[in-house]
Amino acid sequence: MNEVRLLDVTKDLQIEPTRKGFGRGLKRAGELDGRVVAACADLTDSTQMGLFRDAFPERFVEIGIAEQNLVTVGAGLAAMGKIPFVSSYAAFSPGRNWEQIRTTICLNDRPVKIVGSHAGVSVGPDGATHQMLEDIAIMRVLPNMVVIAPCDSVEAEKATLAMAKDHRPNYIRLAREGTPVFTTLDTPFEIGKAYVFTPGTDVTLIATGTMTYQALLAAEQLYKDGIHAEVVHVPTVKPLDAETILASVHKTGCVVTAEEGQMAGGLGGAVAELLGDECPVPLHRIGMKDRFGESGEPSELVTYFGLDAKHIRFAAHHVVERKR
């Protein structure tokens, strides 16, 4: 298994949005490879493409509010040998241009890197229209597409650099709100790999994106309850690291998944499919339960919809009892 060391999540940590790490990573990718280009749908500063635009103005295109054009231009650039990153809010890309992504990028297997920022209910006051919750599900079903959800800004930077080197279509899911930075420069990241962040024997907590922090907090609380939880961070939802997940589940015998999006078709769905085929065990999924978000403060919404450490802890007790 891939066990790693992290910063202590019970301490005060630096707070930074994952989109900030993407911005740094894209600029660095541009420095390393002249084929890297970028395009945005009138949200350059919000999606943190500004660093790249300022460093490489001749390699940046402002498409405007035209998300279908955004990804088709990206597909054309990829066909000409470029490595295009295209960004917008996730509600609009892939939310508005899924058919163009399917037909011009995935069907032709073009290495376009789709950046969906401001995903999840933690978008906050913008409300249900802008809180993209279905993106993991709709991107995971596309043939050839890689789906990535980094846990913090440090991992987002590493993921962006890895995407620039990957030959496949990629989608990366980023958050608007600042979240704790608990990985380090030495924490490994590789597309297609999951990592054991906390070893345990009683229950497996499988999380992706910024929910991994909540899973780590839950594991700390469960330890005090006498339950040793193993936290498996899944930054790549597709392709899913079945080997690491199954190794953990064979050891613990029960699972809780956690994600800041729709459970149907998301990480929880992917894990349920895997376990149904290979290792049926008690499973509880934490995520949005077939409903839209609401306007509110990010932390308030995370708690309201049960996407926090407390609810992961309760779910872990439930599946451990079912196992017994």
C-alpha atoms as a PDB file:
ATOM      1  CA  MET A   1       0.000   0.000   0.000  1.00  0.00           C
ATOM      2  CA  ASN A   2       0.979   3.627  -0.470  1.00  0.00           C
ATOM      3  CA  GLU A   3       1.387   4.983   3.077  1.00  0.00           C
ATOM      4  CA  VAL A   4       2.449   8.616   3.502  1.00  0.00           C
ATOM      5  CA  ARG A   5       3.184  11.155   6.224  1.00  0.00           C
ATOM      6  CA  LEU A   6       1.179  14.367   6.573  1.00  0.00           C
ATOM      7  CA  LEU A   7       0.997  17.486   8.680  1.00  0.00           C
ATOM      8  CA  ASP A   8      -0.969  17.101  11.928  1.00  0.00           C
ATOM      9  CA  VAL A   9      -4.592  17.856  11.018  1.00  0.00           C
ATOM     10  CA  THR A  10      -5.455  18.638  14.639  1.00  0.00           C
ATOM     11  CA  LYS A  11      -3.153  21.693  14.562  1.00  0.00           C
ATOM     12  CA  ASP A  12      -3.767  25.098  12.980  1.00  0.00           C
ATOM     13  CA  LEU A  13      -2.908  24.749   9.297  1.00  0.00           C
ATOM     14  CA  GLN A  14      -2.471  27.126   6.380  1.00  0.00           C
ATOM     15  CA  ILE A  15      -5.770  27.769   4.582  1.00  0.00           C
ATOM     16  CA  GLU A  16      -5.740  28.093   0.798  1.00  0.00           C
ATOM     17  CA  PRO A  17      -8.140  27.207  -2.050  1.00  0.00           C
ATOM     18  CA  THR A  18      -7.120  24.294  -4.260  1.00  0.00           C
ATOM     19  CA  ARG A  19      -7.512  26.603  -7.286  1.00  0.00           C
ATOM     20  CA  LYS A  20      -4.484  28.581  -6.039  1.00  0.00           C
ATOM     21  CA  GLY A  21      -2.329  25.483  -6.310  1.00  0.00           C
ATOM     22  CA  PHE A  22      -3.624  24.905  -9.816  1.00  0.00           C
ATOM     23  CA  GLY A  23      -2.609  28.431 -10.822  1.00  0.00           C
ATOM     24  CA  ARG A  24       0.941  27.906  -9.601  1.00  0.00           C
ATOM     25  CA  GLY A  25       1.116  24.491 -11.217  1.00  0.00           C
ATOM     26  CA  LEU A  26      -0.081  25.763 -14.590  1.00  0.00           C
ATOM     27  CA  LYS A  27       2.531  28.524 -14.649  1.00  0.00           C
ATOM     28  CA  ARG A  28       5.233  25.998 -13.775  1.00  0.00           C
ATOM     29  CA  ALA A  29       3.961  23.589 -16.448  1.00  0.00           C
ATOM     30  CA  GLY A  30       4.224  26.432 -18.965  1.00  0.00           C
ATOM     31  CA  GLU A  31       7.814  27.067 -17.929  1.00  0.00           C
ATOM     32  CA  LEU A  32       8.702  23.403 -18.369  1.00  0.00           C
ATOM     33  CA  ASP A  33       6.981  22.791 -21.721  1.00  0.00           C
ATOM     34  CA  GLY A  34       6.387  25.340 -24.470  1.00  0.00           C
ATOM     35  CA  ARG A  35       3.501  23.272 -25.815  1.00  0.00           C
ATOM     36  CA  VAL A  36       1.349  24.127 -22.778  1.00  0.00           C
ATOM     37  CA  VAL A  37      -1.313  26.693 -23.689  1.00  0.00           C
ATOM     38  CA  ALA A  38      -4.352  27.987 -21.805  1.00  0.00           C
ATOM     39  CA  ALA A  39      -7.828  29.303 -22.536  1.00  0.00           C
ATOM     40  CA  CYS A  40     -10.567  30.591 -20.268  1.00  0.00           C
ATOM     41  CA  ALA A  41     -14.258  31.501 -20.473  1.00  0.00           C
ATOM     42  CA  ASP A  42     -14.107  34.999 -18.968  1.00  0.00           C
ATOM     43  CA  LEU A  43     -13.123  33.773 -15.473  1.00  0.00           C
ATOM     44  CA  THR A  44      -9.352  34.043 -15.681  1.00  0.00           C
ATOM     45  CA  ASP A  45      -8.752  35.490 -12.223  1.00  0.00           C
ATOM     46  CA  SER A  46     -11.362  33.342 -10.490  1.00  0.00           C
ATOM     47  CA  THR A  47      -9.925  30.141 -11.909  1.00  0.00           C
ATOM     48  CA  GLN A  48      -6.365  31.347 -11.197  1.00  0.00           C
ATOM     49  CA  MET A  49      -5.186  31.268 -14.806  1.00  0.00           C
ATOM     50  CA  GLY A  50      -3.926  34.814 -14.379  1.00  0.00           C
ATOM     51  CA  LEU A  51      -0.407  33.701 -13.430  1.00  0.00           C
ATOM     52  CA  PHE A  52      -0.086  31.819 -16.726  1.00  0.00           C
ATOM     53  CA  ARG A  53      -1.671  34.644 -18.738  1.00  0.00           C
ATOM     54  CA  ASP A  54       0.750  37.204 -17.328  1.00  0.00           C
ATOM     55  CA  ALA A  55       3.788  34.976 -17.864  1.00  0.00           C
ATOM     56  CA  PHE A  56       2.841  33.730 -21.342  1.00  0.00           C
ATOM     57  CA  PRO A  57       0.370  36.170 -22.954  1.00  0.00           C
ATOM     58  CA  GLU A  58       1.116  34.769 -26.410  1.00  0.00           C
ATOM     59  CA  ARG A  59       0.015  31.299 -25.224  1.00  0.00           C
ATOM     60  CA  PHE A  60      -3.231  32.404 -23.584  1.00  0.00           C
ATOM     61  CA  VAL A  61      -6.655  32.884 -25.236  1.00  0.00           C
ATOM     62  CA  GLU A  62      -9.630  34.594 -23.610  1.00  0.00           C
ATOM     63  CA  ILE A  63     -12.585  32.828 -25.203  1.00  0.00           C
ATOM     64  CA  GLY A  64     -15.290  34.825 -23.433  1.00  0.00           C
ATOM     65  CA  ILE A  65     -18.575  33.480 -22.115  1.00  0.00           C
ATOM     66  CA  ALA A  66     -18.727  30.637 -24.614  1.00  0.00           C
ATOM     67  CA  GLU A  67     -17.983  27.339 -22.899  1.00  0.00           C
ATOM     68  CA  GLN A  68     -18.789  25.181 -25.925  1.00  0.00           C
ATOM     69  CA  ASN A  69     -16.236  27.136 -27.931  1.00  0.00           C
ATOM     70  CA  LEU A  70     -13.775  26.867 -25.043  1.00  0.00           C
ATOM     71  CA  VAL A  71     -13.468  23.090 -25.239  1.00  0.00           C
ATOM     72  CA  THR A  72     -13.696  22.807 -29.025  1.00  0.00           C
ATOM     73  CA  VAL A  73     -10.858  25.336 -29.374  1.00  0.00           C
ATOM     74  CA  GLY A  74      -8.987  23.216 -26.845  1.00  0.00           C
ATOM     75  CA  ALA A  75      -9.583  20.105 -28.946  1.00  0.00           C
ATOM     76  CA  GLY A  76      -8.267  21.903 -32.035  1.00  0.00           C
ATOM     77  CA  LEU A  77      -5.150  23.069 -30.196  1.00  0.00           C
ATOM     78  CA  ALA A  78      -4.534  19.521 -28.984  1.00  0.00           C
ATOM     79  CA  ALA A  79      -4.897  18.207 -32.545  1.00  0.00           C
ATOM     80  CA  MET A  80      -2.100  20.604 -33.539  1.00  0.00           C
ATOM     81  CA  GLY A  81       0.247  19.204 -30.901  1.00  0.00           C
ATOM     82  CA  LYS A  82      -0.398  21.633 -28.061  1.00  0.00           C
ATOM     83  CA  ILE A  83      -1.231  20.759 -24.435  1.00  0.00           C
ATOM     84  CA  PRO A  84      -4.279  22.933 -23.732  1.00  0.00           C
ATOM     85  CA  PHE A  85      -5.696  23.721 -20.301  1.00  0.00           C
ATOM     86  CA  VAL A  86      -9.226  25.158 -20.483  1.00  0.00           C
ATOM     87  CA  SER A  87     -10.918  26.607 -17.400  1.00  0.00           C
ATOM     88  CA  SER A  88     -14.259  27.862 -16.170  1.00  0.00           C
ATOM     89  CA  TYR A  89     -16.579  27.254 -13.248  1.00  0.00           C
ATOM     90  CA  ALA A  90     -17.476  23.570 -13.073  1.00  0.00           C
ATOM     91  CA  ALA A  91     -21.167  24.484 -13.325  1.00  0.00           C
ATOM     92  CA  PHE A  92     -20.454  25.713 -16.860  1.00  0.00           C
ATOM     93  CA  SER A  93     -17.603  23.413 -17.872  1.00  0.00           C
ATOM     94  CA  PRO A  94     -18.365  20.508 -17.866  1.00  0.00           C
ATOM     95  CA  GLY A  95     -21.895  21.511 -16.840  1.00  0.00           C
ATOM     96  CA  ARG A  96     -22.792  23.383 -20.025  1.00  0.00           C
ATOM     97  CA  ASN A  97     -20.513  21.843 -22.640  1.00  0.00           C
ATOM     98  CA  TRP A  98     -20.531  18.131 -21.832  1.00  0.00           C
ATOM     99  CA  GLU A  99     -21.566  17.144 -25.369  1.00  0.00           C
ATOM    100  CA  GLN A 100     -18.662  19.056 -26.911  1.00  0.00           C
ATOM    101  CA  ILE A 101     -16.270  17.463 -24.419  1.00  0.00           C
ATOM    102  CA  ARG A 102     -17.649  14.055 -25.331  1.00  0.00           C
ATOM    103  CA  THR A 103     -17.509  14.514 -29.100  1.00  0.00           C
ATOM    104  CA  THR A 104     -14.478  16.710 -29.793  1.00  0.00           C
ATOM    105  CA  ILE A 105     -12.203  15.683 -26.929  1.00  0.00           C
ATOM    106  CA  CYS A 106     -13.002  12.183 -25.666  1.00  0.00           C
ATOM    107  CA  LEU A 107     -14.146  10.589 -28.920  1.00  0.00           C
ATOM    108  CA  ASN A 108     -10.957  11.812 -30.587  1.00  0.00           C
ATOM    109  CA  ASP A 109      -8.870  11.076 -27.464  1.00  0.00           C
ATOM    110  CA  ARG A 110      -7.340  14.563 -27.394  1.00  0.00           C
ATOM    111  CA  PRO A 111      -5.206  15.467 -24.334  1.00  0.00           C
ATOM    112  CA  VAL A 112      -7.231  18.523 -23.340  1.00  0.00           C
ATOM    113  CA  LYS A 113      -7.058  19.402 -19.638  1.00  0.00           C
ATOM    114  CA  ILE A 114     -10.477  20.589 -18.402  1.00  0.00           C
ATOM    115  CA  VAL A 115     -10.396  22.668 -15.235  1.00  0.00           C
ATOM    116  CA  GLY A 116     -13.671  22.887 -13.308  1.00  0.00           C
ATOM    117  CA  SER A 117     -13.349  25.419 -10.518  1.00  0.00           C
ATOM    118  CA  HIS A 118     -15.849  26.368  -7.793  1.00  0.00           C
ATOM    119  CA  ALA A 119     -17.198  22.816  -7.420  1.00  0.00           C
ATOM    120  CA  GLY A 120     -19.212  21.522  -4.463  1.00  0.00           C
ATOM    121  CA  VAL A 121     -21.568  23.139  -1.959  1.00  0.00           C
ATOM    122  CA  SER A 122     -18.651  25.052  -0.422  1.00  0.00           C
ATOM    123  CA  VAL A 123     -19.079  27.568  -3.253  1.00  0.00           C
ATOM    124  CA  GLY A 124     -21.440  28.991  -0.636  1.00  0.00           C
ATOM    125  CA  PRO A 125     -23.528  32.144  -1.268  1.00  0.00           C
ATOM    126  CA  ASP A 126     -23.654  31.661  -5.056  1.00  0.00           C
ATOM    127  CA  GLY A 127     -26.252  28.973  -4.418  1.00  0.00           C
ATOM    128  CA  ALA A 128     -27.527  25.916  -6.218  1.00  0.00           C
ATOM    129  CA  THR A 129     -27.005  27.195  -9.780  1.00  0.00           C
ATOM    130  CA  HIS A 130     -23.246  27.510  -9.215  1.00  0.00           C
ATOM    131  CA  GLN A 131     -22.689  24.625  -6.782  1.00  0.00           C
ATOM    132  CA  MET A 132     -21.651  21.915  -9.224  1.00  0.00           C
ATOM    133  CA  LEU A 133     -22.344  18.540  -7.617  1.00  0.00           C
ATOM    134  CA  GLU A 134     -22.732  16.263 -10.635  1.00  0.00           C
ATOM    135  CA  ASP A 135     -19.365  16.788 -12.337  1.00  0.00           C
ATOM    136  CA  ILE A 136     -17.591  13.672 -11.046  1.00  0.00           C
ATOM    137  CA  ALA A 137     -20.478  11.508 -12.227  1.00  0.00           C
ATOM    138  CA  ILE A 138     -20.807  13.008 -15.716  1.00  0.00           C
ATOM    139  CA  MET A 139     -17.062  13.058 -16.359  1.00  0.00           C
ATOM    140  CA  ARG A 140     -16.405   9.592 -14.953  1.00  0.00           C
ATOM    141  CA  VAL A 141     -18.689   7.961 -17.529  1.00  0.00           C
ATOM    142  CA  LEU A 142     -16.805   9.462 -20.500  1.00  0.00           C
ATOM    143  CA  PRO A 143     -14.460   6.999 -22.207  1.00  0.00           C
ATOM    144  CA  ASN A 144     -10.778   8.079 -22.124  1.00  0.00           C
ATOM    145  CA  MET A 145     -11.394  10.747 -19.451  1.00  0.00           C
ATOM    146  CA  VAL A 146      -9.235  10.962 -16.300  1.00  0.00           C
ATOM    147  CA  VAL A 147     -10.963  12.504 -13.254  1.00  0.00           C
ATOM    148  CA  ILE A 148      -8.896  14.170 -10.512  1.00  0.00           C
ATOM    149  CA  ALA A 149      -9.988  15.827  -7.233  1.00  0.00           C
ATOM    150  CA  PRO A 150      -7.012  17.073  -5.171  1.00  0.00           C
ATOM    151  CA  CYS A 151      -7.278  17.291  -1.392  1.00  0.00           C
ATOM    152  CA  ASP A 152      -5.446  20.603  -0.923  1.00  0.00           C
ATOM    153  CA  SER A 153      -3.603  23.305  -2.850  1.00  0.00           C
ATOM    154  CA  VAL A 154      -0.230  21.555  -2.634  1.00  0.00           C
ATOM    155  CA  GLU A 155      -1.647  18.424  -4.227  1.00  0.00           C
ATOM    156  CA  ALA A 156      -3.514  20.528  -6.814  1.00  0.00           C
ATOM    157  CA  GLU A 157      -0.199  21.998  -7.942  1.00  0.00           C
ATOM    158  CA  LYS A 158       1.338  18.524  -8.274  1.00  0.00           C
ATOM    159  CA  ALA A 159      -1.741  17.247 -10.102  1.00  0.00           C
ATOM    160  CA  THR A 160      -1.574  20.086 -12.623  1.00  0.00           C
ATOM    161  CA  LEU A 161       2.055  19.297 -13.435  1.00  0.00           C
ATOM    162  CA  ALA A 162       1.168  15.610 -13.805  1.00  0.00           C
ATOM    163  CA  MET A 163      -1.761  16.436 -16.090  1.00  0.00           C
ATOM    164  CA  ALA A 164       0.525  18.385 -18.427  1.00  0.00           C
ATOM    165  CA  LYS A 165       2.550  15.197 -18.935  1.00  0.00           C
ATOM    166  CA  ASP A 166      -0.426  12.848 -19.286  1.00  0.00           C
ATOM    167  CA  HIS A 167      -1.452  11.865 -22.828  1.00  0.00           C
ATOM    168  CA  ARG A 168      -5.173  11.492 -22.033  1.00  0.00           C
ATOM    169  CA  PRO A 169      -8.086  13.910 -21.623  1.00  0.00           C
ATOM    170  CA  ASN A 170      -8.122  15.073 -17.989  1.00  0.00           C
ATOM    171  CA  TYR A 171     -10.643  16.758 -15.702  1.00  0.00           C
ATOM    172  CA  ILE A 172      -9.573  18.391 -12.446  1.00  0.00           C
ATOM    173  CA  ARG A 173     -12.115  19.485  -9.830  1.00  0.00           C
ATOM    174  CA  LEU A 174     -11.216  22.571  -7.786  1.00  0.00           C
ATOM    175  CA  ALA A 175     -12.785  24.406  -4.851  1.00  0.00           C
ATOM    176  CA  ARG A 176     -13.506  28.097  -4.422  1.00  0.00           C
ATOM    177  CA  GLU A 177     -13.196  28.234  -0.639  1.00  0.00           C
ATOM    178  CA  GLY A 178      -9.915  27.994   1.232  1.00  0.00           C
ATOM    179  CA  THR A 179      -9.286  24.628   2.919  1.00  0.00           C
ATOM    180  CA  PRO A 180      -6.487  23.326   5.178  1.00  0.00           C
ATOM    181  CA  VAL A 181      -3.166  22.436   3.570  1.00  0.00           C
ATOM    182  CA  PHE A 182      -2.060  19.201   5.219  1.00  0.00           C
ATOM    183  CA  THR A 183       0.096  17.522   2.561  1.00  0.00           C
ATOM    184  CA  THR A 184       3.707  18.535   1.981  1.00  0.00           C
ATOM    185  CA  LEU A 185       6.057  18.865  -0.964  1.00  0.00           C
ATOM    186  CA  ASP A 186       7.233  15.322  -0.173  1.00  0.00           C
ATOM    187  CA  THR A 187       3.748  13.774  -0.140  1.00  0.00           C
ATOM    188  CA  PRO A 188       3.538  11.610  -3.274  1.00  0.00           C
ATOM    189  CA  PHE A 189       1.081  12.170  -6.096  1.00  0.00           C
ATOM    190  CA  GLU A 190       0.659  10.084  -9.216  1.00  0.00           C
ATOM    191  CA  ILE A 191      -2.344   9.977 -11.526  1.00  0.00           C
ATOM    192  CA  GLY A 192      -4.204   6.719 -10.918  1.00  0.00           C
ATOM    193  CA  LYS A 193      -2.871   6.138  -7.387  1.00  0.00           C
ATOM    194  CA  ALA A 194      -4.698   6.218  -4.052  1.00  0.00           C
ATOM    195  CA  TYR A 195      -2.829   6.705  -0.790  1.00  0.00           C
ATOM    196  CA  VAL A 196      -3.224   5.460   2.764  1.00  0.00           C
ATOM    197  CA  PHE A 197      -3.059   8.661   4.814  1.00  0.00           C
ATOM    198  CA  THR A 198      -3.838   6.980   8.145  1.00  0.00           C
ATOM    199  CA  PRO A 199      -3.395   3.218   8.717  1.00  0.00           C
ATOM    200  CA  GLY A 200      -6.096   1.316  10.578  1.00  0.00           C
ATOM    201  CA  THR A 201      -7.758  -2.075  10.952  1.00  0.00           C
ATOM    202  CA  ASP A 202     -11.437  -1.537  11.860  1.00  0.00           C
ATOM    203  CA  VAL A 203     -12.970   0.537   9.054  1.00  0.00           C
ATOM    204  CA  THR A 204     -11.831   2.079   5.764  1.00  0.00           C
ATOM    205  CA  LEU A 205     -12.652   5.748   5.168  1.00  0.00           C
ATOM    206  CA  ILE A 206     -12.336   6.481   1.449  1.00  0.00           C
ATOM    207  CA  ALA A 207     -12.426  10.163   0.544  1.00  0.00           C
ATOM    208  CA  THR A 208     -11.637  12.452  -2.357  1.00  0.00           C
ATOM    209  CA  GLY A 209     -11.028  16.163  -2.790  1.00  0.00           C
ATOM    210  CA  THR A 210     -11.313  18.421   0.227  1.00  0.00           C
ATOM    211  CA  MET A 211     -13.400  15.785   2.041  1.00  0.00           C
ATOM    212  CA  THR A 212     -10.189  13.899   2.783  1.00  0.00           C
ATOM    213  CA  TYR A 213      -9.433  16.450   5.495  1.00  0.00           C
ATOM    214  CA  GLN A 214     -12.796  15.700   7.094  1.00  0.00           C
ATOM    215  CA  ALA A 215     -12.035  11.967   6.933  1.00  0.00           C
ATOM    216  CA  LEU A 216      -8.719  12.528   8.713  1.00  0.00           C
ATOM    217  CA  LEU A 217     -10.463  14.497  11.464  1.00  0.00           C
ATOM    218  CA  ALA A 218     -13.043  11.701  11.762  1.00  0.00           C
ATOM    219  CA  ALA A 219     -10.259   9.137  12.103  1.00  0.00           C
ATOM    220  CA  GLU A 220      -8.798  11.120  15.005  1.00  0.00           C
ATOM    221  CA  GLN A 221     -12.193  11.137  16.727  1.00  0.00           C
ATOM    222  CA  LEU A 222     -12.782   7.447  16.024  1.00  0.00           C
ATOM    223  CA  TYR A 223      -9.435   6.562  17.590  1.00  0.00           C
ATOM    224  CA  LYS A 224     -10.693   8.085  20.842  1.00  0.00           C
ATOM    225  CA  ASP A 225     -13.792   5.907  20.452  1.00  0.00           C
ATOM    226  CA  GLY A 226     -11.616   2.801  20.235  1.00  0.00           C
ATOM    227  CA  ILE A 227     -12.041   2.398  16.457  1.00  0.00           C
ATOM    228  CA  HIS A 228      -8.918   2.352  14.293  1.00  0.00           C
ATOM    229  CA  ALA A 229      -9.920   3.868  10.959  1.00  0.00           C
ATOM    230  CA  GLU A 230      -7.810   3.613   7.833  1.00  0.00           C
ATOM    231  CA  VAL A 231      -8.070   6.747   5.685  1.00  0.00           C
ATOM    232  CA  VAL A 232      -7.560   6.146   1.959  1.00  0.00           C
ATOM    233  CA  HIS A 233      -7.259   9.331  -0.090  1.00  0.00           C
ATOM    234  CA  VAL A 234      -8.426   8.941  -3.702  1.00  0.00           C
ATOM    235  CA  PRO A 235      -7.234  11.954  -5.705  1.00  0.00           C
ATOM    236  CA  THR A 236      -7.892  10.104  -8.965  1.00  0.00           C
ATOM    237  CA  VAL A 237     -11.516   8.969  -9.106  1.00  0.00           C
ATOM    238  CA  LYS A 238     -10.920   7.573 -12.591  1.00  0.00           C
ATOM    239  CA  PRO A 239      -8.958   5.411 -13.174  1.00  0.00           C
ATOM    240  CA  LEU A 240      -9.712   4.104  -9.684  1.00  0.00           C
ATOM    241  CA  ASP A 241      -6.839   2.489  -7.767  1.00  0.00           C
ATOM    242  CA  ALA A 242      -8.640  -0.803  -7.125  1.00  0.00           C
ATOM    243  CA  GLU A 243      -5.543  -2.498  -5.721  1.00  0.00           C
ATOM    244  CA  THR A 244      -5.033  -0.025  -2.869  1.00  0.00           C
ATOM    245  CA  ILE A 245      -8.738   0.190  -2.046  1.00  0.00           C
ATOM    246  CA  LEU A 246      -9.285  -3.581  -2.035  1.00  0.00           C
ATOM    247  CA  ALA A 247      -6.178  -4.194   0.080  1.00  0.00           C
ATOM    248  CA  SER A 248      -7.591  -1.858   2.725  1.00  0.00           C
ATOM    249  CA  VAL A 249     -11.122  -3.255   2.571  1.00  0.00           C
ATOM    250  CA  HIS A 250      -9.936  -6.868   2.823  1.00  0.00           C
ATOM    251  CA  LYS A 251      -8.216  -5.842   6.059  1.00  0.00           C
ATOM    252  CA  THR A 252     -11.006  -3.768   7.652  1.00  0.00           C
ATOM    253  CA  GLY A 253     -14.169  -5.393   6.313  1.00  0.00           C
ATOM    254  CA  CYS A 254     -16.310  -2.231   6.089  1.00  0.00           C
ATOM    255  CA  VAL A 255     -16.230   1.111   4.293  1.00  0.00           C
ATOM    256  CA  VAL A 256     -17.375   4.739   4.442  1.00  0.00           C
ATOM    257  CA  THR A 257     -16.926   6.941   1.362  1.00  0.00           C
ATOM    258  CA  ALA A 258     -16.948  10.746   1.477  1.00  0.00           C
ATOM    259  CA  GLU A 259     -17.239  13.333  -1.277  1.00  0.00           C
ATOM    260  CA  GLU A 260     -18.577  16.867  -1.753  1.00  0.00           C
ATOM    261  CA  GLY A 261     -20.859  15.968  -4.615  1.00  0.00           C
ATOM    262  CA  GLN A 262     -23.679  13.671  -5.656  1.00  0.00           C
ATOM    263  CA  MET A 263     -23.259  10.151  -4.289  1.00  0.00           C
ATOM    264  CA  ALA A 264     -24.965   8.750  -7.401  1.00  0.00           C
ATOM    265  CA  GLY A 265     -22.217   8.160  -9.936  1.00  0.00           C
ATOM    266  CA  GLY A 266     -19.505   9.849  -7.880  1.00  0.00           C
ATOM    267  CA  LEU A 267     -16.737   8.351  -5.769  1.00  0.00           C
ATOM    268  CA  GLY A 268     -19.243   6.457  -3.656  1.00  0.00           C
ATOM    269  CA  GLY A 269     -20.767   4.972  -6.786  1.00  0.00           C
ATOM    270  CA  ALA A 270     -17.351   4.002  -8.147  1.00  0.00           C
ATOM    271  CA  VAL A 271     -16.392   2.277  -4.884  1.00  0.00           C
ATOM    272  CA  ALA A 272     -19.775   0.537  -4.664  1.00  0.00           C
ATOM    273  CA  GLU A 273     -19.270  -0.839  -8.178  1.00  0.00           C
ATOM    274  CA  LEU A 274     -15.802  -2.096  -7.288  1.00  0.00           C
ATOM    275  CA  LEU A 275     -16.886  -3.710  -4.027  1.00  0.00           C
ATOM    276  CA  GLY A 276     -19.976  -5.227  -5.634  1.00  0.00           C
ATOM    277  CA  ASP A 277     -17.739  -6.971  -8.150  1.00  0.00           C
ATOM    278  CA  GLU A 278     -14.810  -7.887  -5.923  1.00  0.00           C
ATOM    279  CA  CYS A 279     -15.525  -7.637  -2.190  1.00  0.00           C
ATOM    280  CA  PRO A 280     -19.081  -7.027  -0.916  1.00  0.00           C
ATOM    281  CA  VAL A 281     -18.884  -5.520   2.585  1.00  0.00           C
ATOM    282  CA  PRO A 282     -20.967  -3.039   4.647  1.00  0.00           C
ATOM    283  CA  LEU A 283     -20.764   0.348   2.919  1.00  0.00           C
ATOM    284  CA  HIS A 284     -22.053   3.804   3.849  1.00  0.00           C
ATOM    285  CA  ARG A 285     -21.731   6.721   1.427  1.00  0.00           C
ATOM    286  CA  ILE A 286     -21.379  10.339   2.563  1.00  0.00           C
ATOM    287  CA  GLY A 287     -22.297  12.930  -0.054  1.00  0.00           C
ATOM    288  CA  MET A 288     -25.197  14.859  -1.530  1.00  0.00           C
ATOM    289  CA  LYS A 289     -28.305  12.712  -1.452  1.00  0.00           C
ATOM    290  CA  ASP A 290     -30.053  13.399  -4.773  1.00  0.00           C
ATOM    291  CA  ARG A 291     -30.703  17.086  -4.140  1.00  0.00           C
ATOM    292  CA  PHE A 292     -29.385  20.506  -5.064  1.00  0.00           C
ATOM    293  CA  GLY A 293     -27.435  22.807  -2.779  1.00  0.00           C
ATOM    294  CA  GLU A 294     -28.547  26.059  -1.185  1.00  0.00           C
ATOM    295  CA  SER A 295     -27.126  29.506  -0.582  1.00  0.00           C
ATOM    296  CA  GLY A 296     -25.227  29.942   2.668  1.00  0.00           C
ATOM    297  CA  GLU A 297     -21.811  30.191   4.239  1.00  0.00           C
ATOM    298  CA  PRO A 298     -19.492  27.374   3.067  1.00  0.00           C
ATOM    299  CA  SER A 299     -18.881  25.890   6.526  1.00  0.00           C
ATOM    300  CA  GLU A 300     -22.582  26.144   7.344  1.00  0.00           C
ATOM    301  CA  LEU A 301     -23.519  24.222   4.194  1.00  0.00           C
ATOM    302  CA  VAL A 302     -20.920  21.508   4.724  1.00  0.00           C
ATOM    303  CA  THR A 303     -22.391  20.852   8.173  1.00  0.00           C
ATOM    304  CA  TYR A 304     -26.017  21.196   7.051  1.00  0.00           C
ATOM    305  CA  PHE A 305     -25.605  18.576   4.332  1.00  0.00           C
ATOM    306  CA  GLY A 306     -23.699  16.178   6.591  1.00  0.00           C
ATOM    307  CA  LEU A 307     -20.369  16.514   4.792  1.00  0.00           C
ATOM    308  CA  ASP A 308     -18.196  16.846   7.874  1.00  0.00           C
ATOM    309  CA  ALA A 309     -16.093  14.770  10.255  1.00  0.00           C
ATOM    310  CA  LYS A 310     -18.978  14.283  12.697  1.00  0.00           C
ATOM    311  CA  HIS A 311     -21.156  12.563  10.118  1.00  0.00           C
ATOM    312  CA  ILE A 312     -18.267  10.454   8.819  1.00  0.00           C
ATOM    313  CA  ARG A 313     -17.648   9.334  12.401  1.00  0.00           C
ATOM    314  CA  PHE A 314     -21.312   8.358  12.888  1.00  0.00           C
ATOM    315  CA  ALA A 315     -21.278   6.461   9.582  1.00  0.00           C
ATOM    316  CA  ALA A 316     -18.136   4.580  10.630  1.00  0.00           C
ATOM    317  CA  HIS A 317     -19.788   3.440  13.863  1.00  0.00           C
ATOM    318  CA  HIS A 318     -22.766   2.278  11.813  1.00  0.00           C
ATOM    319  CA  VAL A 319     -20.780   0.135   9.352  1.00  0.00           C
ATOM    320  CA  VAL A 320     -18.577  -1.302  12.105  1.00  0.00           C
ATOM    321  CA  GLU A 321     -21.733  -2.412  13.922  1.00  0.00           C
ATOM    322  CA  ARG A 322     -23.112  -3.913  10.703  1.00  0.00           C
ATOM    323  CA  LYS A 323     -19.870  -5.829  10.231  1.00  0.00           C
ATOM    324  CA  ARG A 324     -20.109  -7.257  13.713  1.00  0.00           C
END
